[in-house]
Amino acid sequence: MNRFNYWFILALVLSSCSSGIHQLSVDFAKSPTPPSPDYTLTKHWAALPQKADAADSIPRKTTLQNQQANASVDVFFIYPTIFTEKPKNQFIW
């Protein structure tokens, strides 16, 4: 290892061992709380029995049939997250 690399690595190690604590000088921006959705409006639902949506689709190449009109009950399923926006910052989806 040449002399320059030795001094460079030594300076890097010594500078990374500072005893000071770095504190943020500003607070993070606070996001306003959005209003609660009005669930009486169909636009706030991802799937409804009377609405044509992706929940009505049936997989291709299957023997399944659309029997929603004959179903005796509707199934209510809570899906935890639907992320449909373009990722920001370092997040890779």
PDB file of N, CA and C in Angstrom:
ATOM      1  N   MET A   1       0.856  -1.166   0.000  1.00  0.00           N
ATOM      2  CA  MET A   1       0.000   0.000   0.000  1.00  0.00           C
ATOM      3  C   MET A   1       0.910   1.239   0.000  1.00  0.00           C
ATOM      4  N   ASN A   2       0.631   2.151  -0.904  1.00  0.00           N
ATOM      5  CA  ASN A   2       1.512   3.312  -0.943  1.00  0.00           C
ATOM      6  C   ASN A   2       1.192   4.274   0.205  1.00  0.00           C
ATOM      7  N   ARG A   3       2.046   5.247   0.375  1.00  0.00           N
ATOM      8  CA  ARG A   3       1.960   6.158   1.510  1.00  0.00           C
ATOM      9  C   ARG A   3       0.696   7.014   1.473  1.00  0.00           C
ATOM     10  N   PHE A   4       0.271   7.427   0.300  1.00  0.00           N
ATOM     11  CA  PHE A   4      -0.937   8.257   0.185  1.00  0.00           C
ATOM     12  C   PHE A   4      -2.165   7.487   0.669  1.00  0.00           C
ATOM     13  N   ASN A   5      -2.294   6.234   0.249  1.00  0.00           N
ATOM     14  CA  ASN A   5      -3.437   5.428   0.692  1.00  0.00           C
ATOM     15  C   ASN A   5      -3.440   5.249   2.206  1.00  0.00           C
ATOM     16  N   TYR A   6      -2.278   5.053   2.792  1.00  0.00           N
ATOM     17  CA  TYR A   6      -2.185   4.890   4.236  1.00  0.00           C
ATOM     18  C   TYR A   6      -2.690   6.137   4.947  1.00  0.00           C
ATOM     19  N   TRP A   7      -2.209   7.308   4.551  1.00  0.00           N
ATOM     20  CA  TRP A   7      -2.627   8.559   5.201  1.00  0.00           C
ATOM     21  C   TRP A   7      -4.100   8.861   4.928  1.00  0.00           C
ATOM     22  N   PHE A   8      -4.570   8.515   3.764  1.00  0.00           N
ATOM     23  CA  PHE A   8      -5.981   8.743   3.440  1.00  0.00           C
ATOM     24  C   PHE A   8      -6.891   7.888   4.325  1.00  0.00           C
ATOM     25  N   ILE A   9      -6.549   6.622   4.471  1.00  0.00           N
ATOM     26  CA  ILE A   9      -7.354   5.725   5.308  1.00  0.00           C
ATOM     27  C   ILE A   9      -7.269   6.151   6.771  1.00  0.00           C
ATOM     28  N   LEU A  10      -6.097   6.561   7.221  1.00  0.00           N
ATOM     29  CA  LEU A  10      -5.941   7.022   8.598  1.00  0.00           C
ATOM     30  C   LEU A  10      -6.789   8.270   8.848  1.00  0.00           C
ATOM     31  N   ALA A  11      -6.779   9.215   7.930  1.00  0.00           N
ATOM     32  CA  ALA A  11      -7.596  10.427   8.074  1.00  0.00           C
ATOM     33  C   ALA A  11      -9.082  10.092   8.051  1.00  0.00           C
ATOM     34  N   LEU A  12      -9.465   9.156   7.220  1.00  0.00           N
ATOM     35  CA  LEU A  12     -10.868   8.745   7.144  1.00  0.00           C
ATOM     36  C   LEU A  12     -11.323   8.102   8.454  1.00  0.00           C
ATOM     37  N   VAL A  13     -10.509   7.239   9.016  1.00  0.00           N
ATOM     38  CA  VAL A  13     -10.851   6.576  10.280  1.00  0.00           C
ATOM     39  C   VAL A  13     -10.924   7.593  11.410  1.00  0.00           C
ATOM     40  N   LEU A  14      -9.969   8.489  11.483  1.00  0.00           N
ATOM     41  CA  LEU A  14      -9.967   9.482  12.558  1.00  0.00           C
ATOM     42  C   LEU A  14     -11.136  10.458  12.441  1.00  0.00           C
ATOM     43  N   SER A  15     -11.495  10.828  11.235  1.00  0.00           N
ATOM     44  CA  SER A  15     -12.616  11.764  11.073  1.00  0.00           C
ATOM     45  C   SER A  15     -13.956  11.101  11.366  1.00  0.00           C
ATOM     46  N   SER A  16     -14.026   9.789  11.227  1.00  0.00           N
ATOM     47  CA  SER A  16     -15.286   9.101  11.505  1.00  0.00           C
ATOM     48  C   SER A  16     -15.472   8.829  12.991  1.00  0.00           C
ATOM     49  N   CYS A  17     -14.457   9.083  13.784  1.00  0.00           N
ATOM     50  CA  CYS A  17     -14.539   8.824  15.224  1.00  0.00           C
ATOM     51  C   CYS A  17     -14.759  10.105  16.016  1.00  0.00           C
ATOM     52  N   SER A  18     -15.467  11.060  15.486  1.00  0.00           N
ATOM     53  CA  SER A  18     -15.690  12.311  16.213  1.00  0.00           C
ATOM     54  C   SER A  18     -16.588  12.056  17.411  1.00  0.00           C
ATOM     55  N   SER A  19     -16.405  12.838  18.438  1.00  0.00           N
ATOM     56  CA  SER A  19     -17.187  12.639  19.655  1.00  0.00           C
ATOM     57  C   SER A  19     -18.460  13.482  19.663  1.00  0.00           C
ATOM     58  N   GLY A  20     -18.610  14.367  18.724  1.00  0.00           N
ATOM     59  CA  GLY A  20     -19.800  15.217  18.690  1.00  0.00           C
ATOM     60  C   GLY A  20     -21.033  14.464  18.224  1.00  0.00           C
ATOM     61  N   ILE A  21     -22.181  14.883  18.738  1.00  0.00           N
ATOM     62  CA  ILE A  21     -23.452  14.286  18.336  1.00  0.00           C
ATOM     63  C   ILE A  21     -24.117  15.235  17.358  1.00  0.00           C
ATOM     64  N   HIS A  22     -24.493  14.714  16.234  1.00  0.00           N
ATOM     65  CA  HIS A  22     -25.146  15.543  15.224  1.00  0.00           C
ATOM     66  C   HIS A  22     -26.648  15.531  15.462  1.00  0.00           C
ATOM     67  N   GLN A  23     -27.202  16.715  15.672  1.00  0.00           N
ATOM     68  CA  GLN A  23     -28.641  16.828  15.854  1.00  0.00           C
ATOM     69  C   GLN A  23     -29.220  17.642  14.711  1.00  0.00           C
ATOM     70  N   LEU A  24     -30.420  17.280  14.311  1.00  0.00           N
ATOM     71  CA  LEU A  24     -31.083  18.015  13.240  1.00  0.00           C
ATOM     72  C   LEU A  24     -31.420  19.418  13.710  1.00  0.00           C
ATOM     73  N   SER A  25     -31.239  20.389  12.824  1.00  0.00           N
ATOM     74  CA  SER A  25     -31.529  21.771  13.195  1.00  0.00           C
ATOM     75  C   SER A  25     -32.974  22.153  12.907  1.00  0.00           C
ATOM     76  N   VAL A  26     -33.663  21.350  12.127  1.00  0.00           N
ATOM     77  CA  VAL A  26     -35.073  21.624  11.825  1.00  0.00           C
ATOM     78  C   VAL A  26     -35.879  20.350  12.054  1.00  0.00           C
ATOM     79  N   ASP A  27     -37.151  20.522  12.329  1.00  0.00           N
ATOM     80  CA  ASP A  27     -38.036  19.374  12.496  1.00  0.00           C
ATOM     81  C   ASP A  27     -38.494  18.881  11.136  1.00  0.00           C
ATOM     82  N   PHE A  28     -38.922  17.639  11.101  1.00  0.00           N
ATOM     83  CA  PHE A  28     -39.497  17.105   9.881  1.00  0.00           C
ATOM     84  C   PHE A  28     -40.824  17.799   9.607  1.00  0.00           C
ATOM     85  N   ALA A  29     -41.166  17.933   8.342  1.00  0.00           N
ATOM     86  CA  ALA A  29     -42.441  18.552   7.978  1.00  0.00           C
ATOM     87  C   ALA A  29     -43.579  17.639   8.421  1.00  0.00           C
ATOM     88  N   LYS A  30     -44.571  18.221   9.038  1.00  0.00           N
ATOM     89  CA  LYS A  30     -45.720  17.438   9.485  1.00  0.00           C
ATOM     90  C   LYS A  30     -46.776  17.449   8.400  1.00  0.00           C
ATOM     91  N   SER A  31     -47.271  16.284   8.087  1.00  0.00           N
ATOM     92  CA  SER A  31     -48.306  16.159   7.064  1.00  0.00           C
ATOM     93  C   SER A  31     -49.667  16.389   7.701  1.00  0.00           C
ATOM     94  N   PRO A  32     -50.517  17.137   7.032  1.00  0.00           N
ATOM     95  CA  PRO A  32     -51.861  17.318   7.588  1.00  0.00           C
ATOM     96  C   PRO A  32     -52.649  16.016   7.502  1.00  0.00           C
ATOM     97  N   THR A  33     -53.498  15.794   8.467  1.00  0.00           N
ATOM     98  CA  THR A  33     -54.333  14.595   8.471  1.00  0.00           C
ATOM     99  C   THR A  33     -55.447  14.767   7.454  1.00  0.00           C
ATOM    100  N   PRO A  34     -55.575  13.849   6.500  1.00  0.00           N
ATOM    101  CA  PRO A  34     -56.641  13.981   5.503  1.00  0.00           C
ATOM    102  C   PRO A  34     -58.001  13.741   6.147  1.00  0.00           C
ATOM    103  N   PRO A  35     -59.042  14.282   5.545  1.00  0.00           N
ATOM    104  CA  PRO A  35     -60.376  14.054   6.106  1.00  0.00           C
ATOM    105  C   PRO A  35     -60.788  12.588   5.948  1.00  0.00           C
ATOM    106  N   SER A  36     -61.641  12.134   6.838  1.00  0.00           N
ATOM    107  CA  SER A  36     -62.141  10.758   6.759  1.00  0.00           C
ATOM    108  C   SER A  36     -63.026  10.608   5.534  1.00  0.00           C
ATOM    109  N   PRO A  37     -62.919   9.485   4.824  1.00  0.00           N
ATOM    110  CA  PRO A  37     -63.761   9.285   3.642  1.00  0.00           C
ATOM    111  C   PRO A  37     -65.219   9.059   4.033  1.00  0.00           C
ATOM    112  N   ASP A  38     -66.105   9.480   3.154  1.00  0.00           N
ATOM    113  CA  ASP A  38     -67.539   9.267   3.351  1.00  0.00           C
ATOM    114  C   ASP A  38     -67.891   7.941   2.685  1.00  0.00           C
ATOM    115  N   TYR A  39     -68.056   6.897   3.481  1.00  0.00           N
ATOM    116  CA  TYR A  39     -68.280   5.563   2.938  1.00  0.00           C
ATOM    117  C   TYR A  39     -69.683   5.362   2.389  1.00  0.00           C
ATOM    118  N   THR A  40     -70.518   6.378   2.453  1.00  0.00           N
ATOM    119  CA  THR A  40     -71.818   6.269   1.788  1.00  0.00           C
ATOM    120  C   THR A  40     -71.680   6.508   0.292  1.00  0.00           C
ATOM    121  N   LEU A  41     -70.543   7.046  -0.140  1.00  0.00           N
ATOM    122  CA  LEU A  41     -70.279   7.286  -1.562  1.00  0.00           C
ATOM    123  C   LEU A  41     -69.511   6.104  -2.146  1.00  0.00           C
ATOM    124  N   THR A  42     -69.924   5.643  -3.313  1.00  0.00           N
ATOM    125  CA  THR A  42     -69.273   4.479  -3.929  1.00  0.00           C
ATOM    126  C   THR A  42     -67.850   4.768  -4.392  1.00  0.00           C
ATOM    127  N   LYS A  43     -67.490   6.030  -4.596  1.00  0.00           N
ATOM    128  CA  LYS A  43     -66.130   6.345  -5.059  1.00  0.00           C
ATOM    129  C   LYS A  43     -65.070   6.051  -3.993  1.00  0.00           C
ATOM    130  N   HIS A  44     -65.482   5.894  -2.741  1.00  0.00           N
ATOM    131  CA  HIS A  44     -64.541   5.607  -1.668  1.00  0.00           C
ATOM    132  C   HIS A  44     -64.362   4.112  -1.414  1.00  0.00           C
ATOM    133  N   TRP A  45     -64.934   3.279  -2.246  1.00  0.00           N
ATOM    134  CA  TRP A  45     -64.825   1.832  -2.092  1.00  0.00           C
ATOM    135  C   TRP A  45     -64.039   1.245  -3.258  1.00  0.00           C
ATOM    136  N   ALA A  46     -63.153   0.290  -2.975  1.00  0.00           N
ATOM    137  CA  ALA A  46     -62.396  -0.388  -4.030  1.00  0.00           C
ATOM    138  C   ALA A  46     -63.260  -1.419  -4.738  1.00  0.00           C
ATOM    139  N   ALA A  47     -64.220  -2.009  -4.025  1.00  0.00           N
ATOM    140  CA  ALA A  47     -65.088  -3.026  -4.618  1.00  0.00           C
ATOM    141  C   ALA A  47     -66.454  -2.990  -3.933  1.00  0.00           C
ATOM    142  N   LEU A  48     -67.490  -3.077  -4.740  1.00  0.00           N
ATOM    143  CA  LEU A  48     -68.873  -3.146  -4.252  1.00  0.00           C
ATOM    144  C   LEU A  48     -69.652  -4.101  -5.142  1.00  0.00           C
ATOM    145  N   PRO A  49     -70.679  -4.766  -4.611  1.00  0.00           N
ATOM    146  CA  PRO A  49     -71.455  -5.698  -5.434  1.00  0.00           C
ATOM    147  C   PRO A  49     -72.140  -5.029  -6.626  1.00  0.00           C
ATOM    148  N   GLN A  50     -72.627  -3.808  -6.468  1.00  0.00           N
ATOM    149  CA  GLN A  50     -73.350  -3.147  -7.549  1.00  0.00           C
ATOM    150  C   GLN A  50     -72.431  -2.324  -8.465  1.00  0.00           C
ATOM    151  N   LYS A  51     -71.128  -2.394  -8.258  1.00  0.00           N
ATOM    152  CA  LYS A  51     -70.164  -1.601  -9.026  1.00  0.00           C
ATOM    153  C   LYS A  51     -69.266  -2.542  -9.836  1.00  0.00           C
ATOM    154  N   ALA A  52     -69.059  -2.227 -11.110  1.00  0.00           N
ATOM    155  CA  ALA A  52     -68.138  -3.022 -11.939  1.00  0.00           C
ATOM    156  C   ALA A  52     -66.705  -2.634 -11.568  1.00  0.00           C
ATOM    157  N   ASP A  53     -65.952  -3.588 -11.063  1.00  0.00           N
ATOM    158  CA  ASP A  53     -64.594  -3.305 -10.607  1.00  0.00           C
ATOM    159  C   ASP A  53     -63.707  -4.543 -10.778  1.00  0.00           C
ATOM    160  N   ALA A  54     -62.460  -4.434 -10.364  1.00  0.00           N
ATOM    161  CA  ALA A  54     -61.503  -5.534 -10.523  1.00  0.00           C
ATOM    162  C   ALA A  54     -61.878  -6.763  -9.699  1.00  0.00           C
ATOM    163  N   ALA A  55     -62.670  -6.588  -8.661  1.00  0.00           N
ATOM    164  CA  ALA A  55     -63.084  -7.737  -7.843  1.00  0.00           C
ATOM    165  C   ALA A  55     -64.046  -8.652  -8.594  1.00  0.00           C
ATOM    166  N   ASP A  56     -64.624  -8.179  -9.689  1.00  0.00           N
ATOM    167  CA  ASP A  56     -65.548  -8.990 -10.481  1.00  0.00           C
ATOM    168  C   ASP A  56     -64.831  -9.894 -11.479  1.00  0.00           C
ATOM    169  N   SER A  57     -63.534  -9.732 -11.617  1.00  0.00           N
ATOM    170  CA  SER A  57     -62.803 -10.504 -12.623  1.00  0.00           C
ATOM    171  C   SER A  57     -62.577 -11.946 -12.166  1.00  0.00           C
ATOM    172  N   ILE A  58     -62.427 -12.815 -13.139  1.00  0.00           N
ATOM    173  CA  ILE A  58     -62.187 -14.238 -12.898  1.00  0.00           C
ATOM    174  C   ILE A  58     -60.885 -14.601 -13.608  1.00  0.00           C
ATOM    175  N   PRO A  59     -60.031 -15.406 -12.976  1.00  0.00           N
ATOM    176  CA  PRO A  59     -58.767 -15.773 -13.617  1.00  0.00           C
ATOM    177  C   PRO A  59     -58.981 -16.473 -14.956  1.00  0.00           C
ATOM    178  N   ARG A  60     -58.070 -16.215 -15.889  1.00  0.00           N
ATOM    179  CA  ARG A  60     -58.122 -16.885 -17.192  1.00  0.00           C
ATOM    180  C   ARG A  60     -57.703 -18.339 -17.041  1.00  0.00           C
ATOM    181  N   LYS A  61     -58.076 -19.129 -17.998  1.00  0.00           N
ATOM    182  CA  LYS A  61     -57.713 -20.556 -18.045  1.00  0.00           C
ATOM    183  C   LYS A  61     -58.130 -21.282 -16.766  1.00  0.00           C
ATOM    184  N   THR A  62     -59.370 -21.101 -16.375  1.00  0.00           N
ATOM    185  CA  THR A  62     -59.890 -21.771 -15.191  1.00  0.00           C
ATOM    186  C   THR A  62     -61.323 -22.215 -15.443  1.00  0.00           C
ATOM    187  N   THR A  63     -61.802 -23.096 -14.624  1.00  0.00           N
ATOM    188  CA  THR A  63     -63.189 -23.557 -14.752  1.00  0.00           C
ATOM    189  C   THR A  63     -64.143 -22.729 -13.893  1.00  0.00           C
ATOM    190  N   LEU A  64     -63.621 -21.728 -13.198  1.00  0.00           N
ATOM    191  CA  LEU A  64     -64.469 -20.879 -12.359  1.00  0.00           C
ATOM    192  C   LEU A  64     -65.429 -20.067 -13.218  1.00  0.00           C
ATOM    193  N   GLN A  65     -66.596 -19.776 -12.661  1.00  0.00           N
ATOM    194  CA  GLN A  65     -67.598 -18.974 -13.360  1.00  0.00           C
ATOM    195  C   GLN A  65     -68.065 -17.854 -12.446  1.00  0.00           C
ATOM    196  N   ASN A  66     -68.536 -16.780 -13.058  1.00  0.00           N
ATOM    197  CA  ASN A  66     -69.062 -15.657 -12.291  1.00  0.00           C
ATOM    198  C   ASN A  66     -70.455 -16.014 -11.785  1.00  0.00           C
ATOM    199  N   GLN A  67     -70.567 -16.275 -10.500  1.00  0.00           N
ATOM    200  CA  GLN A  67     -71.837 -16.648  -9.880  1.00  0.00           C
ATOM    201  C   GLN A  67     -72.279 -15.619  -8.835  1.00  0.00           C
ATOM    202  N   GLN A  68     -71.834 -14.373  -8.985  1.00  0.00           N
ATOM    203  CA  GLN A  68     -72.180 -13.361  -7.990  1.00  0.00           C
ATOM    204  C   GLN A  68     -73.673 -13.093  -7.929  1.00  0.00           C
ATOM    205  N   ALA A  69     -74.355 -13.183  -9.039  1.00  0.00           N
ATOM    206  CA  ALA A  69     -75.798 -12.927  -9.044  1.00  0.00           C
ATOM    207  C   ALA A  69     -76.555 -13.993  -8.256  1.00  0.00           C
ATOM    208  N   ASN A  70     -76.012 -15.196  -8.171  1.00  0.00           N
ATOM    209  CA  ASN A  70     -76.669 -16.296  -7.463  1.00  0.00           C
ATOM    210  C   ASN A  70     -76.154 -16.497  -6.035  1.00  0.00           C
ATOM    211  N   ALA A  71     -75.160 -15.713  -5.617  1.00  0.00           N
ATOM    212  CA  ALA A  71     -74.563 -15.903  -4.294  1.00  0.00           C
ATOM    213  C   ALA A  71     -75.544 -15.501  -3.197  1.00  0.00           C
ATOM    214  N   SER A  72     -75.564 -16.275  -2.125  1.00  0.00           N
ATOM    215  CA  SER A  72     -76.482 -15.972  -1.025  1.00  0.00           C
ATOM    216  C   SER A  72     -75.903 -14.938  -0.058  1.00  0.00           C
ATOM    217  N   VAL A  73     -74.585 -14.764  -0.059  1.00  0.00           N
ATOM    218  CA  VAL A  73     -73.953 -13.775   0.819  1.00  0.00           C
ATOM    219  C   VAL A  73     -72.842 -13.059   0.054  1.00  0.00           C
ATOM    220  N   ASP A  74     -72.493 -11.870   0.536  1.00  0.00           N
ATOM    221  CA  ASP A  74     -71.333 -11.143   0.039  1.00  0.00           C
ATOM    222  C   ASP A  74     -70.221 -11.294   1.068  1.00  0.00           C
ATOM    223  N   VAL A  75     -69.009 -11.411   0.605  1.00  0.00           N
ATOM    224  CA  VAL A  75     -67.870 -11.535   1.505  1.00  0.00           C
ATOM    225  C   VAL A  75     -67.195 -10.174   1.598  1.00  0.00           C
ATOM    226  N   PHE A  76     -66.984  -9.724   2.819  1.00  0.00           N
ATOM    227  CA  PHE A  76     -66.326  -8.441   3.059  1.00  0.00           C
ATOM    228  C   PHE A  76     -64.901  -8.728   3.496  1.00  0.00           C
ATOM    229  N   PHE A  77     -63.935  -8.303   2.703  1.00  0.00           N
ATOM    230  CA  PHE A  77     -62.528  -8.561   2.976  1.00  0.00           C
ATOM    231  C   PHE A  77     -61.812  -7.234   3.104  1.00  0.00           C
ATOM    232  N   ILE A  78     -61.106  -7.031   4.204  1.00  0.00           N
ATOM    233  CA  ILE A  78     -60.348  -5.797   4.405  1.00  0.00           C
ATOM    234  C   ILE A  78     -58.934  -6.024   3.890  1.00  0.00           C
ATOM    235  N   TYR A  79     -58.569  -5.283   2.858  1.00  0.00           N
ATOM    236  CA  TYR A  79     -57.237  -5.374   2.278  1.00  0.00           C
ATOM    237  C   TYR A  79     -56.388  -4.287   2.919  1.00  0.00           C
ATOM    238  N   PRO A  80     -55.277  -4.616   3.549  1.00  0.00           N
ATOM    239  CA  PRO A  80     -54.563  -3.640   4.366  1.00  0.00           C
ATOM    240  C   PRO A  80     -53.929  -2.476   3.607  1.00  0.00           C
ATOM    241  N   THR A  81     -53.397  -2.704   2.423  1.00  0.00           N
ATOM    242  CA  THR A  81     -52.680  -1.639   1.729  1.00  0.00           C
ATOM    243  C   THR A  81     -52.888  -1.745   0.228  1.00  0.00           C
ATOM    244  N   ILE A  82     -53.191  -0.616  -0.370  1.00  0.00           N
ATOM    245  CA  ILE A  82     -53.215  -0.528  -1.830  1.00  0.00           C
ATOM    246  C   ILE A  82     -52.345   0.671  -2.187  1.00  0.00           C
ATOM    247  N   PHE A  83     -51.154   0.424  -2.707  1.00  0.00           N
ATOM    248  CA  PHE A  83     -50.222   1.490  -3.062  1.00  0.00           C
ATOM    249  C   PHE A  83     -50.234   1.639  -4.569  1.00  0.00           C
ATOM    250  N   THR A  84     -50.784   2.736  -5.060  1.00  0.00           N
ATOM    251  CA  THR A  84     -50.912   2.922  -6.502  1.00  0.00           C
ATOM    252  C   THR A  84     -50.114   4.109  -7.023  1.00  0.00           C
ATOM    253  N   GLU A  85     -49.324   4.745  -6.169  1.00  0.00           N
ATOM    254  CA  GLU A  85     -48.569   5.912  -6.610  1.00  0.00           C
ATOM    255  C   GLU A  85     -47.141   5.526  -6.983  1.00  0.00           C
ATOM    256  N   LYS A  86     -46.486   6.433  -7.709  1.00  0.00           N
ATOM    257  CA  LYS A  86     -45.095   6.213  -8.076  1.00  0.00           C
ATOM    258  C   LYS A  86     -44.222   6.358  -6.827  1.00  0.00           C
ATOM    259  N   PRO A  87     -43.291   5.427  -6.577  1.00  0.00           N
ATOM    260  CA  PRO A  87     -42.457   5.517  -5.381  1.00  0.00           C
ATOM    261  C   PRO A  87     -41.582   6.765  -5.396  1.00  0.00           C
ATOM    262  N   LYS A  88     -41.324   7.303  -4.224  1.00  0.00           N
ATOM    263  CA  LYS A  88     -40.483   8.489  -4.090  1.00  0.00           C
ATOM    264  C   LYS A  88     -39.248   8.134  -3.268  1.00  0.00           C
ATOM    265  N   ASN A  89     -38.218   8.943  -3.370  1.00  0.00           N
ATOM    266  CA  ASN A  89     -36.974   8.798  -2.620  1.00  0.00           C
ATOM    267  C   ASN A  89     -36.300   7.464  -2.905  1.00  0.00           C
ATOM    268  N   GLN A  90     -35.876   6.772  -1.870  1.00  0.00           N
ATOM    269  CA  GLN A  90     -35.087   5.562  -2.052  1.00  0.00           C
ATOM    270  C   GLN A  90     -35.898   4.288  -2.085  1.00  0.00           C
ATOM    271  N   PHE A  91     -37.200   4.375  -1.924  1.00  0.00           N
ATOM    272  CA  PHE A  91     -38.002   3.160  -1.876  1.00  0.00           C
ATOM    273  C   PHE A  91     -38.084   2.512  -3.255  1.00  0.00           C
ATOM    274  N   ILE A  92     -37.812   1.230  -3.310  1.00  0.00           N
ATOM    275  CA  ILE A  92     -37.903   0.480  -4.558  1.00  0.00           C
ATOM    276  C   ILE A  92     -38.963  -0.585  -4.362  1.00  0.00           C
ATOM    277  N   TRP A  93     -40.020  -0.533  -5.135  1.00  0.00           N
ATOM    278  CA  TRP A  93     -41.130  -1.480  -4.994  1.00  0.00           C
ATOM    279  C   TRP A  93     -41.054  -2.500  -6.088  1.00  0.00           C
TER     280      TRP A  93
END
